[in-house]
Amino acid sequence: MWIKYNPNPTGRNVGDCAVRAIAVALNIDWEDAYAMIVENGYAMGDMPSADSVWGAVLRQNGFYRKAIPNTCPDCYTAEDFCRDNPYGIFVLAFGGHVATVVNGDLYDSWNSSQMIPIYVWYRKE
């Protein structure tokens, strides 16, 4: 189920999906997630929006990345992923967008449940 989630301190929806996703995945506030990503971007010499930059924040916090199985590449949606993963914390990457799933619920500032995920970040529990 989609849950509207926008921790941006001004309530804006400003292309900060990686910040929102990391905030909910790590259970931290938007400002701390933003600072972590920006610090990584500075250290890596890349933009904070780069997958490698925000992905490194997840990796540094115990997450692993894997591809979504290619059994139905055009029909397996975020909603399907949520149904198949009722427990755990996952960050779904869609190619230009990311959102977090917590215990089967999709947290995002808009309903991205029909998007097709490409890969997932997960934490081994």
PDB file of N, CA and C in Angstrom:
ATOM      1  N   MET A   1       0.839  -1.175   0.000  1.00  0.00           N
ATOM      2  CA  MET A   1       0.000   0.000   0.000  1.00  0.00           C
ATOM      3  C   MET A   1       0.890   1.248   0.000  1.00  0.00           C
ATOM      4  N   TRP A   2       0.519   2.230  -0.788  1.00  0.00           N
ATOM      5  CA  TRP A   2       1.257   3.487  -0.855  1.00  0.00           C
ATOM      6  C   TRP A   2       0.916   4.348   0.352  1.00  0.00           C
ATOM      7  N   ILE A   3       1.956   4.907   0.969  1.00  0.00           N
ATOM      8  CA  ILE A   3       1.797   5.856   2.067  1.00  0.00           C
ATOM      9  C   ILE A   3       2.496   7.146   1.654  1.00  0.00           C
ATOM     10  N   LYS A   4       1.721   8.230   1.638  1.00  0.00           N
ATOM     11  CA  LYS A   4       2.302   9.521   1.266  1.00  0.00           C
ATOM     12  C   LYS A   4       3.338   9.911   2.309  1.00  0.00           C
ATOM     13  N   TYR A   5       4.551  10.189   1.825  1.00  0.00           N
ATOM     14  CA  TYR A   5       5.666  10.491   2.724  1.00  0.00           C
ATOM     15  C   TYR A   5       6.506  11.593   2.095  1.00  0.00           C
ATOM     16  N   ASN A   6       6.522  12.746   2.731  1.00  0.00           N
ATOM     17  CA  ASN A   6       7.353  13.844   2.266  1.00  0.00           C
ATOM     18  C   ASN A   6       7.946  14.580   3.466  1.00  0.00           C
ATOM     19  N   PRO A   7       9.133  14.141   3.913  1.00  0.00           N
ATOM     20  CA  PRO A   7       9.744  14.776   5.078  1.00  0.00           C
ATOM     21  C   PRO A   7      10.483  16.079   4.761  1.00  0.00           C
ATOM     22  N   ASN A   8      10.424  16.531   3.508  1.00  0.00           N
ATOM     23  CA  ASN A   8      11.089  17.782   3.147  1.00  0.00           C
ATOM     24  C   ASN A   8      10.647  18.858   4.126  1.00  0.00           C
ATOM     25  N   PRO A   9      11.572  19.562   4.765  1.00  0.00           N
ATOM     26  CA  PRO A   9      11.205  20.517   5.822  1.00  0.00           C
ATOM     27  C   PRO A   9      10.299  21.652   5.356  1.00  0.00           C
ATOM     28  N   THR A  10      10.288  21.941   4.058  1.00  0.00           N
ATOM     29  CA  THR A  10       9.391  22.984   3.552  1.00  0.00           C
ATOM     30  C   THR A  10       8.188  22.388   2.832  1.00  0.00           C
ATOM     31  N   GLY A  11       8.096  21.043   2.823  1.00  0.00           N
ATOM     32  CA  GLY A  11       6.966  20.381   2.176  1.00  0.00           C
ATOM     33  C   GLY A  11       7.057  20.355   0.661  1.00  0.00           C
ATOM     34  N   ARG A  12       8.192  20.752   0.123  1.00  0.00           N
ATOM     35  CA  ARG A  12       8.347  20.807  -1.325  1.00  0.00           C
ATOM     36  C   ARG A  12       8.660  19.429  -1.882  1.00  0.00           C
ATOM     37  N   ASN A  13       8.311  19.237  -3.134  1.00  0.00           N
ATOM     38  CA  ASN A  13       8.641  18.024  -3.877  1.00  0.00           C
ATOM     39  C   ASN A  13       9.620  18.469  -4.947  1.00  0.00           C
ATOM     40  N   VAL A  14      10.920  18.382  -4.644  1.00  0.00           N
ATOM     41  CA  VAL A  14      11.935  19.071  -5.435  1.00  0.00           C
ATOM     42  C   VAL A  14      12.983  18.150  -6.049  1.00  0.00           C
ATOM     43  N   GLY A  15      12.598  16.969  -6.462  1.00  0.00           N
ATOM     44  CA  GLY A  15      13.576  16.060  -7.037  1.00  0.00           C
ATOM     45  C   GLY A  15      14.493  15.473  -5.981  1.00  0.00           C
ATOM     46  N   ASP A  16      13.989  15.353  -4.774  1.00  0.00           N
ATOM     47  CA  ASP A  16      14.788  14.858  -3.653  1.00  0.00           C
ATOM     48  C   ASP A  16      14.409  13.434  -3.266  1.00  0.00           C
ATOM     49  N   CYS A  17      14.036  12.626  -4.242  1.00  0.00           N
ATOM     50  CA  CYS A  17      13.554  11.280  -3.938  1.00  0.00           C
ATOM     51  C   CYS A  17      14.600  10.436  -3.223  1.00  0.00           C
ATOM     52  N   ALA A  18      15.874  10.574  -3.576  1.00  0.00           N
ATOM     53  CA  ALA A  18      16.914   9.795  -2.898  1.00  0.00           C
ATOM     54  C   ALA A  18      17.028  10.220  -1.437  1.00  0.00           C
ATOM     55  N   VAL A  19      16.881  11.499  -1.162  1.00  0.00           N
ATOM     56  CA  VAL A  19      16.928  11.989   0.219  1.00  0.00           C
ATOM     57  C   VAL A  19      15.748  11.424   0.998  1.00  0.00           C
ATOM     58  N   ARG A  20      14.560  11.489   0.419  1.00  0.00           N
ATOM     59  CA  ARG A  20      13.371  10.935   1.093  1.00  0.00           C
ATOM     60  C   ARG A  20      13.528   9.441   1.332  1.00  0.00           C
ATOM     61  N   ALA A  21      14.011   8.718   0.312  1.00  0.00           N
ATOM     62  CA  ALA A  21      14.152   7.267   0.422  1.00  0.00           C
ATOM     63  C   ALA A  21      15.144   6.887   1.520  1.00  0.00           C
ATOM     64  N   ILE A  22      16.262   7.582   1.575  1.00  0.00           N
ATOM     65  CA  ILE A  22      17.262   7.282   2.598  1.00  0.00           C
ATOM     66  C   ILE A  22      16.757   7.680   3.979  1.00  0.00           C
ATOM     67  N   ALA A  23      16.044   8.784   4.068  1.00  0.00           N
ATOM     68  CA  ALA A  23      15.498   9.207   5.363  1.00  0.00           C
ATOM     69  C   ALA A  23      14.598   8.130   5.949  1.00  0.00           C
ATOM     70  N   VAL A  24      13.701   7.599   5.152  1.00  0.00           N
ATOM     71  CA  VAL A  24      12.797   6.571   5.695  1.00  0.00           C
ATOM     72  C   VAL A  24      13.529   5.246   5.894  1.00  0.00           C
ATOM     73  N   ALA A  25      14.431   4.883   4.999  1.00  0.00           N
ATOM     74  CA  ALA A  25      15.147   3.608   5.118  1.00  0.00           C
ATOM     75  C   ALA A  25      16.034   3.572   6.351  1.00  0.00           C
ATOM     76  N   LEU A  26      16.647   4.698   6.695  1.00  0.00           N
ATOM     77  CA  LEU A  26      17.552   4.757   7.847  1.00  0.00           C
ATOM     78  C   LEU A  26      16.873   5.313   9.094  1.00  0.00           C
ATOM     79  N   ASN A  27      15.601   5.695   8.949  1.00  0.00           N
ATOM     80  CA  ASN A  27      14.834   6.261  10.063  1.00  0.00           C
ATOM     81  C   ASN A  27      15.531   7.501  10.638  1.00  0.00           C
ATOM     82  N   ILE A  28      15.875   8.409   9.725  1.00  0.00           N
ATOM     83  CA  ILE A  28      16.495   9.678  10.101  1.00  0.00           C
ATOM     84  C   ILE A  28      15.708  10.811   9.462  1.00  0.00           C
ATOM     85  N   ASP A  29      15.999  12.030   9.851  1.00  0.00           N
ATOM     86  CA  ASP A  29      15.257  13.141   9.246  1.00  0.00           C
ATOM     87  C   ASP A  29      15.859  13.526   7.890  1.00  0.00           C
ATOM     88  N   TRP A  30      15.098  14.317   7.159  1.00  0.00           N
ATOM     89  CA  TRP A  30      15.460  14.726   5.801  1.00  0.00           C
ATOM     90  C   TRP A  30      16.804  15.432   5.781  1.00  0.00           C
ATOM     91  N   GLU A  31      17.029  16.333   6.731  1.00  0.00           N
ATOM     92  CA  GLU A  31      18.267  17.108   6.768  1.00  0.00           C
ATOM     93  C   GLU A  31      19.494  16.203   6.934  1.00  0.00           C
ATOM     94  N   ASP A  32      19.400  15.218   7.821  1.00  0.00           N
ATOM     95  CA  ASP A  32      20.532  14.310   8.026  1.00  0.00           C
ATOM     96  C   ASP A  32      20.781  13.455   6.785  1.00  0.00           C
ATOM     97  N   ALA A  33      19.719  12.987   6.157  1.00  0.00           N
ATOM     98  CA  ALA A  33      19.876  12.200   4.924  1.00  0.00           C
ATOM     99  C   ALA A  33      20.515  13.053   3.833  1.00  0.00           C
ATOM    100  N   TYR A  34      20.051  14.278   3.694  1.00  0.00           N
ATOM    101  CA  TYR A  34      20.605  15.196   2.698  1.00  0.00           C
ATOM    102  C   TYR A  34      22.097  15.417   2.935  1.00  0.00           C
ATOM    103  N   ALA A  35      22.467  15.676   4.200  1.00  0.00           N
ATOM    104  CA  ALA A  35      23.872  15.922   4.527  1.00  0.00           C
ATOM    105  C   ALA A  35      24.735  14.699   4.206  1.00  0.00           C
ATOM    106  N   MET A  36      24.261  13.508   4.514  1.00  0.00           N
ATOM    107  CA  MET A  36      25.023  12.289   4.220  1.00  0.00           C
ATOM    108  C   MET A  36      25.274  12.146   2.721  1.00  0.00           C
ATOM    109  N   ILE A  37      24.243  12.393   1.936  1.00  0.00           N
ATOM    110  CA  ILE A  37      24.369  12.250   0.485  1.00  0.00           C
ATOM    111  C   ILE A  37      25.308  13.310  -0.084  1.00  0.00           C
ATOM    112  N   VAL A  38      25.158  14.542   0.356  1.00  0.00           N
ATOM    113  CA  VAL A  38      26.014  15.628  -0.137  1.00  0.00           C
ATOM    114  C   VAL A  38      27.473  15.381   0.234  1.00  0.00           C
ATOM    115  N   GLU A  39      27.724  14.931   1.453  1.00  0.00           N
ATOM    116  CA  GLU A  39      29.103  14.629   1.860  1.00  0.00           C
ATOM    117  C   GLU A  39      29.700  13.536   0.973  1.00  0.00           C
ATOM    118  N   ASN A  40      28.906  12.510   0.668  1.00  0.00           N
ATOM    119  CA  ASN A  40      29.384  11.454  -0.229  1.00  0.00           C
ATOM    120  C   ASN A  40      29.662  12.011  -1.621  1.00  0.00           C
ATOM    121  N   GLY A  41      28.768  12.840  -2.120  1.00  0.00           N
ATOM    122  CA  GLY A  41      28.956  13.436  -3.436  1.00  0.00           C
ATOM    123  C   GLY A  41      30.231  14.251  -3.503  1.00  0.00           C
ATOM    124  N   TYR A  42      30.485  15.029  -2.466  1.00  0.00           N
ATOM    125  CA  TYR A  42      31.703  15.839  -2.409  1.00  0.00           C
ATOM    126  C   TYR A  42      32.938  14.939  -2.416  1.00  0.00           C
ATOM    127  N   ALA A  43      32.922  13.906  -1.572  1.00  0.00           N
ATOM    128  CA  ALA A  43      34.071  12.999  -1.475  1.00  0.00           C
ATOM    129  C   ALA A  43      34.296  12.225  -2.768  1.00  0.00           C
ATOM    130  N   MET A  44      33.215  11.907  -3.477  1.00  0.00           N
ATOM    131  CA  MET A  44      33.313  11.119  -4.701  1.00  0.00           C
ATOM    132  C   MET A  44      33.486  11.982  -5.944  1.00  0.00           C
ATOM    133  N   GLY A  45      33.341  13.306  -5.795  1.00  0.00           N
ATOM    134  CA  GLY A  45      33.444  14.201  -6.944  1.00  0.00           C
ATOM    135  C   GLY A  45      32.296  14.018  -7.914  1.00  0.00           C
ATOM    136  N   ASP A  46      31.113  13.770  -7.375  1.00  0.00           N
ATOM    137  CA  ASP A  46      29.942  13.516  -8.219  1.00  0.00           C
ATOM    138  C   ASP A  46      28.734  14.222  -7.614  1.00  0.00           C
ATOM    139  N   MET A  47      27.677  14.288  -8.371  1.00  0.00           N
ATOM    140  CA  MET A  47      26.461  14.950  -7.916  1.00  0.00           C
ATOM    141  C   MET A  47      25.700  14.070  -6.920  1.00  0.00           C
ATOM    142  N   PRO A  48      25.032  14.695  -5.948  1.00  0.00           N
ATOM    143  CA  PRO A  48      24.287  13.925  -4.953  1.00  0.00           C
ATOM    144  C   PRO A  48      23.195  13.039  -5.560  1.00  0.00           C
ATOM    145  N   SER A  49      22.678  13.412  -6.701  1.00  0.00           N
ATOM    146  CA  SER A  49      21.608  12.629  -7.332  1.00  0.00           C
ATOM    147  C   SER A  49      22.113  11.389  -8.054  1.00  0.00           C
ATOM    148  N   ALA A  50      23.428  11.243  -8.198  1.00  0.00           N
ATOM    149  CA  ALA A  50      23.977  10.076  -8.890  1.00  0.00           C
ATOM    150  C   ALA A  50      23.695   8.809  -8.085  1.00  0.00           C
ATOM    151  N   ASP A  51      23.276   7.759  -8.778  1.00  0.00           N
ATOM    152  CA  ASP A  51      22.983   6.486  -8.113  1.00  0.00           C
ATOM    153  C   ASP A  51      24.157   6.011  -7.269  1.00  0.00           C
ATOM    154  N   SER A  52      25.364   6.182  -7.785  1.00  0.00           N
ATOM    155  CA  SER A  52      26.544   5.714  -7.055  1.00  0.00           C
ATOM    156  C   SER A  52      26.751   6.481  -5.754  1.00  0.00           C
ATOM    157  N   VAL A  53      26.316   7.726  -5.707  1.00  0.00           N
ATOM    158  CA  VAL A  53      26.505   8.561  -4.517  1.00  0.00           C
ATOM    159  C   VAL A  53      25.499   8.186  -3.432  1.00  0.00           C
ATOM    160  N   TRP A  54      24.213   8.239  -3.736  1.00  0.00           N
ATOM    161  CA  TRP A  54      23.231   7.891  -2.701  1.00  0.00           C
ATOM    162  C   TRP A  54      23.262   6.395  -2.404  1.00  0.00           C
ATOM    163  N   GLY A  55      23.625   5.581  -3.407  1.00  0.00           N
ATOM    164  CA  GLY A  55      23.760   4.147  -3.174  1.00  0.00           C
ATOM    165  C   GLY A  55      24.872   3.844  -2.190  1.00  0.00           C
ATOM    166  N   ALA A  56      25.946   4.608  -2.239  1.00  0.00           N
ATOM    167  CA  ALA A  56      27.049   4.418  -1.298  1.00  0.00           C
ATOM    168  C   ALA A  56      26.598   4.683   0.136  1.00  0.00           C
ATOM    169  N   VAL A  57      25.685   5.628   0.322  1.00  0.00           N
ATOM    170  CA  VAL A  57      25.144   5.890   1.664  1.00  0.00           C
ATOM    171  C   VAL A  57      24.423   4.642   2.175  1.00  0.00           C
ATOM    172  N   LEU A  58      23.637   4.027   1.319  1.00  0.00           N
ATOM    173  CA  LEU A  58      22.951   2.801   1.730  1.00  0.00           C
ATOM    174  C   LEU A  58      23.956   1.693   2.036  1.00  0.00           C
ATOM    175  N   ARG A  59      24.941   1.529   1.159  1.00  0.00           N
ATOM    176  CA  ARG A  59      25.959   0.495   1.370  1.00  0.00           C
ATOM    177  C   ARG A  59      26.695   0.717   2.694  1.00  0.00           C
ATOM    178  N   GLN A  60      27.024   1.958   2.990  1.00  0.00           N
ATOM    179  CA  GLN A  60      27.719   2.289   4.237  1.00  0.00           C
ATOM    180  C   GLN A  60      26.862   2.000   5.471  1.00  0.00           C
ATOM    181  N   ASN A  61      25.575   1.850   5.250  1.00  0.00           N
ATOM    182  CA  ASN A  61      24.649   1.593   6.346  1.00  0.00           C
ATOM    183  C   ASN A  61      24.068   0.177   6.305  1.00  0.00           C
ATOM    184  N   GLY A  62      24.821  -0.739   5.700  1.00  0.00           N
ATOM    185  CA  GLY A  62      24.465  -2.148   5.775  1.00  0.00           C
ATOM    186  C   GLY A  62      23.531  -2.678   4.711  1.00  0.00           C
ATOM    187  N   PHE A  63      23.275  -1.894   3.648  1.00  0.00           N
ATOM    188  CA  PHE A  63      22.396  -2.347   2.579  1.00  0.00           C
ATOM    189  C   PHE A  63      23.206  -2.988   1.457  1.00  0.00           C
ATOM    190  N   TYR A  64      22.573  -3.897   0.758  1.00  0.00           N
ATOM    191  CA  TYR A  64      23.146  -4.576  -0.403  1.00  0.00           C
ATOM    192  C   TYR A  64      22.219  -4.345  -1.587  1.00  0.00           C
ATOM    193  N   ARG A  65      22.789  -4.373  -2.785  1.00  0.00           N
ATOM    194  CA  ARG A  65      21.994  -4.142  -3.997  1.00  0.00           C
ATOM    195  C   ARG A  65      21.902  -5.426  -4.802  1.00  0.00           C
ATOM    196  N   LYS A  66      20.724  -5.646  -5.373  1.00  0.00           N
ATOM    197  CA  LYS A  66      20.562  -6.749  -6.311  1.00  0.00           C
ATOM    198  C   LYS A  66      19.537  -6.352  -7.365  1.00  0.00           C
ATOM    199  N   ALA A  67      19.662  -6.977  -8.528  1.00  0.00           N
ATOM    200  CA  ALA A  67      18.725  -6.719  -9.622  1.00  0.00           C
ATOM    201  C   ALA A  67      17.390  -7.371  -9.305  1.00  0.00           C
ATOM    202  N   ILE A  68      16.333  -6.771  -9.804  1.00  0.00           N
ATOM    203  CA  ILE A  68      15.011  -7.384  -9.718  1.00  0.00           C
ATOM    204  C   ILE A  68      14.983  -8.513 -10.741  1.00  0.00           C
ATOM    205  N   PRO A  69      14.488  -9.698 -10.376  1.00  0.00           N
ATOM    206  CA  PRO A  69      14.436 -10.804 -11.351  1.00  0.00           C
ATOM    207  C   PRO A  69      13.746 -10.379 -12.644  1.00  0.00           C
ATOM    208  N   ASN A  70      14.289 -10.831 -13.740  1.00  0.00           N
ATOM    209  CA  ASN A  70      13.847 -10.415 -15.067  1.00  0.00           C
ATOM    210  C   ASN A  70      12.758 -11.337 -15.635  1.00  0.00           C
ATOM    211  N   THR A  71      11.965 -11.962 -14.775  1.00  0.00           N
ATOM    212  CA  THR A  71      10.936 -12.885 -15.256  1.00  0.00           C
ATOM    213  C   THR A  71       9.803 -12.162 -15.975  1.00  0.00           C
ATOM    214  N   CYS A  72       9.549 -10.948 -15.593  1.00  0.00           N
ATOM    215  CA  CYS A  72       8.511 -10.151 -16.258  1.00  0.00           C
ATOM    216  C   CYS A  72       8.962  -8.690 -16.220  1.00  0.00           C
ATOM    217  N   PRO A  73       9.919  -8.319 -17.043  1.00  0.00           N
ATOM    218  CA  PRO A  73      10.548  -7.000 -16.925  1.00  0.00           C
ATOM    219  C   PRO A  73       9.620  -5.811 -17.162  1.00  0.00           C
ATOM    220  N   ASP A  74       8.504  -6.031 -17.825  1.00  0.00           N
ATOM    221  CA  ASP A  74       7.609  -4.914 -18.108  1.00  0.00           C
ATOM    222  C   ASP A  74       6.317  -4.953 -17.304  1.00  0.00           C
ATOM    223  N   CYS A  75       6.213  -5.907 -16.377  1.00  0.00           N
ATOM    224  CA  CYS A  75       4.945  -6.001 -15.661  1.00  0.00           C
ATOM    225  C   CYS A  75       5.089  -6.118 -14.151  1.00  0.00           C
ATOM    226  N   TYR A  76       6.297  -6.297 -13.614  1.00  0.00           N
ATOM    227  CA  TYR A  76       6.485  -6.434 -12.169  1.00  0.00           C
ATOM    228  C   TYR A  76       6.630  -5.045 -11.563  1.00  0.00           C
ATOM    229  N   THR A  77       5.586  -4.584 -10.885  1.00  0.00           N
ATOM    230  CA  THR A  77       5.527  -3.215 -10.384  1.00  0.00           C
ATOM    231  C   THR A  77       5.991  -3.118  -8.932  1.00  0.00           C
ATOM    232  N   ALA A  78       6.132  -1.897  -8.470  1.00  0.00           N
ATOM    233  CA  ALA A  78       6.436  -1.658  -7.062  1.00  0.00           C
ATOM    234  C   ALA A  78       5.330  -2.237  -6.187  1.00  0.00           C
ATOM    235  N   GLU A  79       4.105  -2.143  -6.635  1.00  0.00           N
ATOM    236  CA  GLU A  79       2.985  -2.729  -5.891  1.00  0.00           C
ATOM    237  C   GLU A  79       3.163  -4.242  -5.751  1.00  0.00           C
ATOM    238  N   ASP A  80       3.584  -4.902  -6.829  1.00  0.00           N
ATOM    239  CA  ASP A  80       3.864  -6.343  -6.767  1.00  0.00           C
ATOM    240  C   ASP A  80       4.988  -6.625  -5.776  1.00  0.00           C
ATOM    241  N   PHE A  81       6.042  -5.813  -5.821  1.00  0.00           N
ATOM    242  CA  PHE A  81       7.168  -5.996  -4.915  1.00  0.00           C
ATOM    243  C   PHE A  81       6.696  -5.889  -3.463  1.00  0.00           C
ATOM    244  N   CYS A  82       5.867  -4.900  -3.176  1.00  0.00           N
ATOM    245  CA  CYS A  82       5.350  -4.717  -1.816  1.00  0.00           C
ATOM    246  C   CYS A  82       4.575  -5.949  -1.360  1.00  0.00           C
ATOM    247  N   ARG A  83       3.756  -6.462  -2.228  1.00  0.00           N
ATOM    248  CA  ARG A  83       2.966  -7.656  -1.894  1.00  0.00           C
ATOM    249  C   ARG A  83       3.874  -8.861  -1.637  1.00  0.00           C
ATOM    250  N   ASP A  84       4.943  -8.981  -2.416  1.00  0.00           N
ATOM    251  CA  ASP A  84       5.869 -10.111  -2.279  1.00  0.00           C
ATOM    252  C   ASP A  84       6.855  -9.953  -1.118  1.00  0.00           C
ATOM    253  N   ASN A  85       6.932  -8.762  -0.535  1.00  0.00           N
ATOM    254  CA  ASN A  85       7.913  -8.482   0.523  1.00  0.00           C
ATOM    255  C   ASN A  85       7.242  -7.770   1.701  1.00  0.00           C
ATOM    256  N   PRO A  86       6.446  -8.510   2.467  1.00  0.00           N
ATOM    257  CA  PRO A  86       5.700  -7.881   3.564  1.00  0.00           C
ATOM    258  C   PRO A  86       6.541  -7.537   4.787  1.00  0.00           C
ATOM    259  N   TYR A  87       7.790  -7.979   4.812  1.00  0.00           N
ATOM    260  CA  TYR A  87       8.655  -7.698   5.957  1.00  0.00           C
ATOM    261  C   TYR A  87      10.011  -7.200   5.480  1.00  0.00           C
ATOM    262  N   GLY A  88      10.534  -6.199   6.167  1.00  0.00           N
ATOM    263  CA  GLY A  88      11.852  -5.690   5.844  1.00  0.00           C
ATOM    264  C   GLY A  88      11.820  -4.283   5.286  1.00  0.00           C
ATOM    265  N   ILE A  89      13.020  -3.739   5.079  1.00  0.00           N
ATOM    266  CA  ILE A  89      13.196  -2.395   4.525  1.00  0.00           C
ATOM    267  C   ILE A  89      13.943  -2.526   3.211  1.00  0.00           C
ATOM    268  N   PHE A  90      13.390  -1.931   2.161  1.00  0.00           N
ATOM    269  CA  PHE A  90      13.940  -2.023   0.813  1.00  0.00           C
ATOM    270  C   PHE A  90      13.884  -0.648   0.157  1.00  0.00           C
ATOM    271  N   VAL A  91      14.894  -0.331  -0.631  1.00  0.00           N
ATOM    272  CA  VAL A  91      14.865   0.888  -1.444  1.00  0.00           C
ATOM    273  C   VAL A  91      14.818   0.441  -2.902  1.00  0.00           C
ATOM    274  N   LEU A  92      13.729   0.789  -3.575  1.00  0.00           N
ATOM    275  CA  LEU A  92      13.545   0.424  -4.977  1.00  0.00           C
ATOM    276  C   LEU A  92      14.061   1.525  -5.882  1.00  0.00           C
ATOM    277  N   ALA A  93      14.834   1.134  -6.887  1.00  0.00           N
ATOM    278  CA  ALA A  93      15.328   2.081  -7.890  1.00  0.00           C
ATOM    279  C   ALA A  93      14.604   1.813  -9.197  1.00  0.00           C
ATOM    280  N   PHE A  94      14.062   2.869  -9.777  1.00  0.00           N
ATOM    281  CA  PHE A  94      13.252   2.753 -10.983  1.00  0.00           C
ATOM    282  C   PHE A  94      13.932   3.308 -12.220  1.00  0.00           C
ATOM    283  N   GLY A  95      15.108   3.859 -12.100  1.00  0.00           N
ATOM    284  CA  GLY A  95      15.728   4.557 -13.221  1.00  0.00           C
ATOM    285  C   GLY A  95      15.224   5.982 -13.237  1.00  0.00           C
ATOM    286  N   GLY A  96      15.872   6.857 -12.503  1.00  0.00           N
ATOM    287  CA  GLY A  96      15.434   8.245 -12.406  1.00  0.00           C
ATOM    288  C   GLY A  96      14.554   8.520 -11.198  1.00  0.00           C
ATOM    289  N   HIS A  97      14.237   7.497 -10.423  1.00  0.00           N
ATOM    290  CA  HIS A  97      13.413   7.678  -9.224  1.00  0.00           C
ATOM    291  C   HIS A  97      13.717   6.557  -8.243  1.00  0.00           C
ATOM    292  N   VAL A  98      13.559   6.841  -6.959  1.00  0.00           N
ATOM    293  CA  VAL A  98      13.696   5.824  -5.916  1.00  0.00           C
ATOM    294  C   VAL A  98      12.617   6.038  -4.868  1.00  0.00           C
ATOM    295  N   ALA A  99      12.226   4.946  -4.216  1.00  0.00           N
ATOM    296  CA  ALA A  99      11.244   4.997  -3.132  1.00  0.00           C
ATOM    297  C   ALA A  99      11.549   3.847  -2.184  1.00  0.00           C
ATOM    298  N   THR A 100      11.057   3.949  -0.971  1.00  0.00           N
ATOM    299  CA  THR A 100      11.349   2.949   0.047  1.00  0.00           C
ATOM    300  C   THR A 100      10.116   2.144   0.406  1.00  0.00           C
ATOM    301  N   VAL A 101      10.331   0.849   0.592  1.00  0.00           N
ATOM    302  CA  VAL A 101       9.289  -0.073   1.049  1.00  0.00           C
ATOM    303  C   VAL A 101       9.654  -0.499   2.460  1.00  0.00           C
ATOM    304  N   VAL A 102       8.714  -0.328   3.376  1.00  0.00           N
ATOM    305  CA  VAL A 102       8.893  -0.780   4.765  1.00  0.00           C
ATOM    306  C   VAL A 102       7.737  -1.703   5.099  1.00  0.00           C
ATOM    307  N   ASN A 103       8.064  -2.959   5.360  1.00  0.00           N
ATOM    308  CA  ASN A 103       7.059  -3.959   5.720  1.00  0.00           C
ATOM    309  C   ASN A 103       5.863  -3.971   4.764  1.00  0.00           C
ATOM    310  N   GLY A 104       6.168  -3.946   3.488  1.00  0.00           N
ATOM    311  CA  GLY A 104       5.139  -4.037   2.454  1.00  0.00           C
ATOM    312  C   GLY A 104       4.460  -2.738   2.084  1.00  0.00           C
ATOM    313  N   ASP A 105       4.814  -1.634   2.726  1.00  0.00           N
ATOM    314  CA  ASP A 105       4.224  -0.327   2.409  1.00  0.00           C
ATOM    315  C   ASP A 105       5.224   0.517   1.643  1.00  0.00           C
ATOM    316  N   LEU A 106       4.754   1.155   0.571  1.00  0.00           N
ATOM    317  CA  LEU A 106       5.585   2.004  -0.282  1.00  0.00           C
ATOM    318  C   LEU A 106       5.503   3.443   0.199  1.00  0.00           C
ATOM    319  N   TYR A 107       6.633   3.991   0.634  1.00  0.00           N
ATOM    320  CA  TYR A 107       6.706   5.369   1.111  1.00  0.00           C
ATOM    321  C   TYR A 107       7.254   6.243  -0.001  1.00  0.00           C
ATOM    322  N   ASP A 108       6.456   7.222  -0.412  1.00  0.00           N
ATOM    323  CA  ASP A 108       6.866   8.137  -1.473  1.00  0.00           C
ATOM    324  C   ASP A 108       5.987   9.378  -1.402  1.00  0.00           C
ATOM    325  N   SER A 109       6.433  10.470  -2.000  1.00  0.00           N
ATOM    326  CA  SER A 109       5.653  11.709  -1.980  1.00  0.00           C
ATOM    327  C   SER A 109       4.524  11.677  -3.013  1.00  0.00           C
ATOM    328  N   TRP A 110       4.553  10.700  -3.887  1.00  0.00           N
ATOM    329  CA  TRP A 110       3.481  10.499  -4.874  1.00  0.00           C
ATOM    330  C   TRP A 110       3.341   8.992  -5.095  1.00  0.00           C
ATOM    331  N   ASN A 111       2.244   8.577  -5.667  1.00  0.00           N
ATOM    332  CA  ASN A 111       1.963   7.148  -5.808  1.00  0.00           C
ATOM    333  C   ASN A 111       2.754   6.555  -6.972  1.00  0.00           C
ATOM    334  N   SER A 112       3.897   5.984  -6.632  1.00  0.00           N
ATOM    335  CA  SER A 112       4.765   5.367  -7.642  1.00  0.00           C
ATOM    336  C   SER A 112       4.577   3.845  -7.701  1.00  0.00           C
ATOM    337  N   SER A 113       3.473   3.359  -7.186  1.00  0.00           N
ATOM    338  CA  SER A 113       3.260   1.910  -7.066  1.00  0.00           C
ATOM    339  C   SER A 113       3.169   1.187  -8.407  1.00  0.00           C
ATOM    340  N   GLN A 114       2.896   1.887  -9.489  1.00  0.00           N
ATOM    341  CA  GLN A 114       2.804   1.230 -10.803  1.00  0.00           C
ATOM    342  C   GLN A 114       4.105   1.327 -11.603  1.00  0.00           C
ATOM    343  N   MET A 115       5.141   1.908 -11.001  1.00  0.00           N
ATOM    344  CA  MET A 115       6.436   1.973 -11.681  1.00  0.00           C
ATOM    345  C   MET A 115       7.104   0.599 -11.637  1.00  0.00           C
ATOM    346  N   ILE A 116       8.000   0.368 -12.576  1.00  0.00           N
ATOM    347  CA  ILE A 116       8.707  -0.905 -12.705  1.00  0.00           C
ATOM    348  C   ILE A 116      10.101  -0.763 -12.087  1.00  0.00           C
ATOM    349  N   PRO A 117      10.361  -1.441 -10.957  1.00  0.00           N
ATOM    350  CA  PRO A 117      11.696  -1.331 -10.349  1.00  0.00           C
ATOM    351  C   PRO A 117      12.746  -2.080 -11.157  1.00  0.00           C
ATOM    352  N   ILE A 118      13.959  -1.534 -11.165  1.00  0.00           N
ATOM    353  CA  ILE A 118      15.088  -2.137 -11.876  1.00  0.00           C
ATOM    354  C   ILE A 118      15.965  -2.925 -10.904  1.00  0.00           C
ATOM    355  N   TYR A 119      16.238  -2.310  -9.756  1.00  0.00           N
ATOM    356  CA  TYR A 119      16.997  -3.007  -8.731  1.00  0.00           C
ATOM    357  C   TYR A 119      16.514  -2.579  -7.359  1.00  0.00           C
ATOM    358  N   VAL A 120      16.974  -3.323  -6.355  1.00  0.00           N
ATOM    359  CA  VAL A 120      16.537  -3.085  -4.987  1.00  0.00           C
ATOM    360  C   VAL A 120      17.739  -3.094  -4.049  1.00  0.00           C
ATOM    361  N   TRP A 121      17.711  -2.201  -3.095  1.00  0.00           N
ATOM    362  CA  TRP A 121      18.657  -2.207  -1.980  1.00  0.00           C
ATOM    363  C   TRP A 121      17.936  -2.846  -0.801  1.00  0.00           C
ATOM    364  N   TYR A 122      18.614  -3.737  -0.092  1.00  0.00           N
ATOM    365  CA  TYR A 122      18.001  -4.431   1.039  1.00  0.00           C
ATOM    366  C   TYR A 122      19.048  -4.610   2.124  1.00  0.00           C
ATOM    367  N   ARG A 123      18.576  -4.806   3.326  1.00  0.00           N
ATOM    368  CA  ARG A 123      19.473  -5.047   4.454  1.00  0.00           C
ATOM    369  C   ARG A 123      19.247  -6.470   4.926  1.00  0.00           C
ATOM    370  N   LYS A 124      20.339  -7.213   5.082  1.00  0.00           N
ATOM    371  CA  LYS A 124      20.230  -8.579   5.596  1.00  0.00           C
ATOM    372  C   LYS A 124      19.923  -8.512   7.076  1.00  0.00           C
ATOM    373  N   GLU A 125      18.875  -9.180   7.480  1.00  0.00           N
ATOM    374  CA  GLU A 125      18.475  -9.177   8.899  1.00  0.00           C
ATOM    375  C   GLU A 125      18.796 -10.491   9.530  1.00  0.00           C
TER     376      GLU A 125
END
